[in-house]
Every structure is written in structure tokens, then in C-alpha cells.
Protein backbone atom coordinates (compact mmCIF):
# COMPACT_ATOMS: atom_id res chain seq x y z
CA MET A 1 -9.40 10.21 3.66
CA LYS A 2 -8.81 11.63 7.14
CA LEU A 3 -7.25 9.54 9.90
CA PRO A 4 -9.42 8.68 12.84
CA LYS A 5 -8.44 10.78 15.93
CA ASP A 6 -7.65 7.85 18.13
CA ILE A 7 -4.90 6.49 15.89
CA GLU A 8 -1.33 7.12 16.98
CA VAL A 9 1.00 7.86 14.04
CA VAL A 10 4.80 7.56 13.51
CA ASN A 11 7.12 8.43 10.70
CA ALA A 12 8.50 5.61 8.67
CA GLU A 13 11.29 5.39 6.00
CA ILE A 14 10.66 3.36 2.90
CA ILE A 15 13.65 1.00 2.76
CA SER A 16 12.55 -1.41 0.00
CA THR A 17 10.01 -1.69 -2.74
CA LYS A 18 8.70 -4.35 -5.10
CA LEU A 19 6.20 -4.06 -7.94
CA GLY A 20 5.66 -7.14 -10.03
CA PHE A 21 4.53 -10.70 -10.10
CA GLU A 22 4.70 -13.07 -7.23
CA GLY A 23 5.13 -16.81 -7.52
CA HIS A 24 1.60 -17.62 -8.59
CA GLY A 25 1.43 -14.89 -11.29
CA ILE A 26 -0.47 -12.37 -9.24
CA PHE A 27 0.48 -8.72 -9.81
CA THR A 28 1.26 -7.16 -6.48
CA LEU A 29 3.36 -4.66 -4.54
CA PHE A 30 5.33 -4.59 -1.32
CA ILE A 31 6.91 -1.77 0.59
CA GLY A 32 9.36 -2.34 3.40
CA LEU A 33 9.22 0.34 6.11
CA ARG A 34 11.53 1.25 9.05
CA PHE A 35 10.16 3.00 11.97
CA GLU A 36 11.01 3.60 15.68
CA SER A 37 10.03 0.11 16.77
CA GLY A 38 11.54 -1.83 13.96
CA ASN A 39 10.48 -2.86 10.40
CA ILE A 40 7.08 -3.57 8.92
CA GLY A 41 5.75 -4.43 5.37
CA PHE A 42 2.92 -3.04 3.44
CA GLY A 43 1.29 -4.67 0.45
CA ASN A 44 1.19 -8.23 -0.75
CA PHE A 45 -2.38 -7.91 -2.05
CA ALA A 46 -3.47 -8.43 -5.69
CA LEU A 47 -3.41 -5.45 -7.91
CA ASP A 48 -5.00 -7.47 -10.72
CA GLN A 49 -8.02 -9.79 -10.93
CA TRP A 50 -9.05 -13.00 -12.58
CA CYS A 51 -11.12 -12.61 -15.79
CA ASP A 52 -13.24 -15.65 -16.62
CA LYS A 53 -13.94 -14.12 -20.08
CA GLU A 54 -10.27 -13.92 -21.01
CA VAL A 55 -9.22 -17.00 -18.75
CA LYS A 56 -6.28 -15.11 -17.32
CA ARG A 57 -5.37 -12.44 -14.79
CA THR A 58 -5.95 -8.87 -16.00
CA GLY A 59 -5.07 -5.39 -14.77
CA SER A 60 -7.57 -3.60 -12.50
CA GLN A 61 -8.41 0.12 -12.27
CA LEU A 62 -8.34 -0.19 -8.44
CA GLY A 63 -4.73 -1.57 -8.71
CA ILE A 64 -3.64 1.39 -10.81
CA ASP A 65 -5.40 3.72 -8.30
CA VAL A 66 -3.48 2.14 -5.33
CA ILE A 67 -0.17 2.54 -7.14
CA MET A 68 -0.85 6.15 -8.01
CA ARG A 69 -2.04 6.95 -4.36
CA ILE A 70 1.21 5.47 -2.94
CA ILE A 71 3.28 7.52 -5.15
CA LYS A 72 1.43 10.67 -4.32
CA ILE A 73 1.49 9.93 -0.59
CA ALA A 74 5.24 9.60 -0.70
CA GLY A 75 5.52 12.84 -2.59
CA VAL A 76 7.46 11.54 -5.57
CA LYS A 77 6.77 11.28 -9.30
CA ASN A 78 7.53 7.60 -9.91
CA TRP A 79 7.78 4.25 -8.23
CA GLU A 80 11.54 4.14 -8.45
CA GLU A 81 11.84 7.24 -6.20
CA LEU A 82 10.00 5.61 -3.28
CA GLU A 83 13.00 4.09 -1.59
CA GLY A 84 14.50 6.54 0.98
CA GLN A 85 11.30 8.65 1.31
CA TYR A 86 9.37 9.08 4.57
CA ILE A 87 5.65 8.56 5.11
CA ARG A 88 3.57 8.32 8.14
CA ILE A 89 1.92 5.12 9.43
CA ASN A 90 -0.28 3.94 12.23
CA LYS A 91 1.79 2.98 15.25
CA VAL A 92 1.98 -0.84 15.39
CA GLY A 93 3.29 -3.23 18.05
CA LEU A 94 4.40 -6.85 17.91
CA GLY A 95 1.78 -8.88 16.01
CA GLU A 96 -0.28 -5.90 15.00
CA SER A 97 -1.01 -4.96 11.31
CA LEU A 98 -0.33 -1.84 9.40
CA THR A 99 -3.63 -0.21 8.53
CA TYR A 100 -2.87 3.36 7.40
CA ILE A 101 -0.11 4.97 5.39
CA GLY A 102 -0.13 8.76 4.87
CA HIS A 103 1.70 11.73 3.43
CA LEU A 104 4.45 13.07 5.82
CA VAL A 105 2.83 16.48 6.21
CA ASN A 106 -0.63 16.58 4.62
CA ASP A 107 -3.65 14.94 6.10
CA ASP A 108 -3.71 12.43 3.25
CA TRP A 109 -4.13 8.73 4.06
CA LEU A 110 -4.68 5.40 2.50
CA ASN A 111 -6.54 2.78 4.52
CA VAL A 112 -5.27 -0.77 3.81
CA LYS A 113 -8.59 -2.38 4.87
CA ASP A 114 -10.55 -0.13 2.47
CA ILE A 115 -8.22 -1.34 -0.44
CA LEU A 116 -8.96 -4.92 0.40
CA ILE A 117 -12.68 -4.33 0.76
CA ASN A 118 -12.80 -2.52 -2.57
CA PHE A 119 -10.81 -5.26 -4.35
CA GLU A 120 -13.30 -7.86 -3.06
CA ASN A 121 -16.26 -5.75 -4.15
CA LYS A 122 -14.85 -5.23 -7.66
CA LYS A 123 -14.35 -8.90 -8.41
CA GLY A 124 -16.34 -10.43 -11.22
């Protein structure tokens, strides 16, 4: 996706990552980022879904797609290489939310709101 023209972007360093299960057993990810105005986090949304048929949480194609997109955006080959890499993000101020993460050079962006809408639409 291309970034809307009215969005200001800044470079950010990936300073931490987590990929795994949170306290309620939901598979999720988190990426800690440092940019000119401070630190911000990306993630903390479910990468899996509840399956009534199996009566448990199961992996989702959308979750795998998000992980793959993040790795490609950072320009690395695996999750473990993310820390220390630079990406671009939409500029955020105090109390604002991170909406976009993008490749450092290429016009390749991931929209957080689209991820959440797609997860909601794929439930069931």
C-alpha cells in the first residue's frame, strides 16, 4: 500500500521484539521502536483466532501474513534479525497512535488499522 500524502514520516529503530503468547493465551507480537520524539510500541493484537469447532485458539492466515510483511518491511530474513533495524513510521505525538510502519527506502507500508479491520472481518 502507498502512504497518504498528508502523513508525516520519521525513521525509527526497532529496539525490542516479542513474538509469542500473552497472559490469556493469545498469540501476539510487539515491536518496541525508538524515534526522534521518544519510544512507541507496535502490535499487541491477536495473530490467532478462536475456533468454535476445535474449542481452542488456532493460527490464522492473516497472522502469518502480518509477520511476513513486518519481516519484509524491515528488510531482514527472519524475526530474530529485526532488533537494531530501521523502518519508517507515521510521526506521532503524545497520546497519538502509530498507524503506519514502512520500509526504510521503498514505498511499502503496512497500515495497522487495516490489520485490525481484516482480523475482525475474518473471525468466524
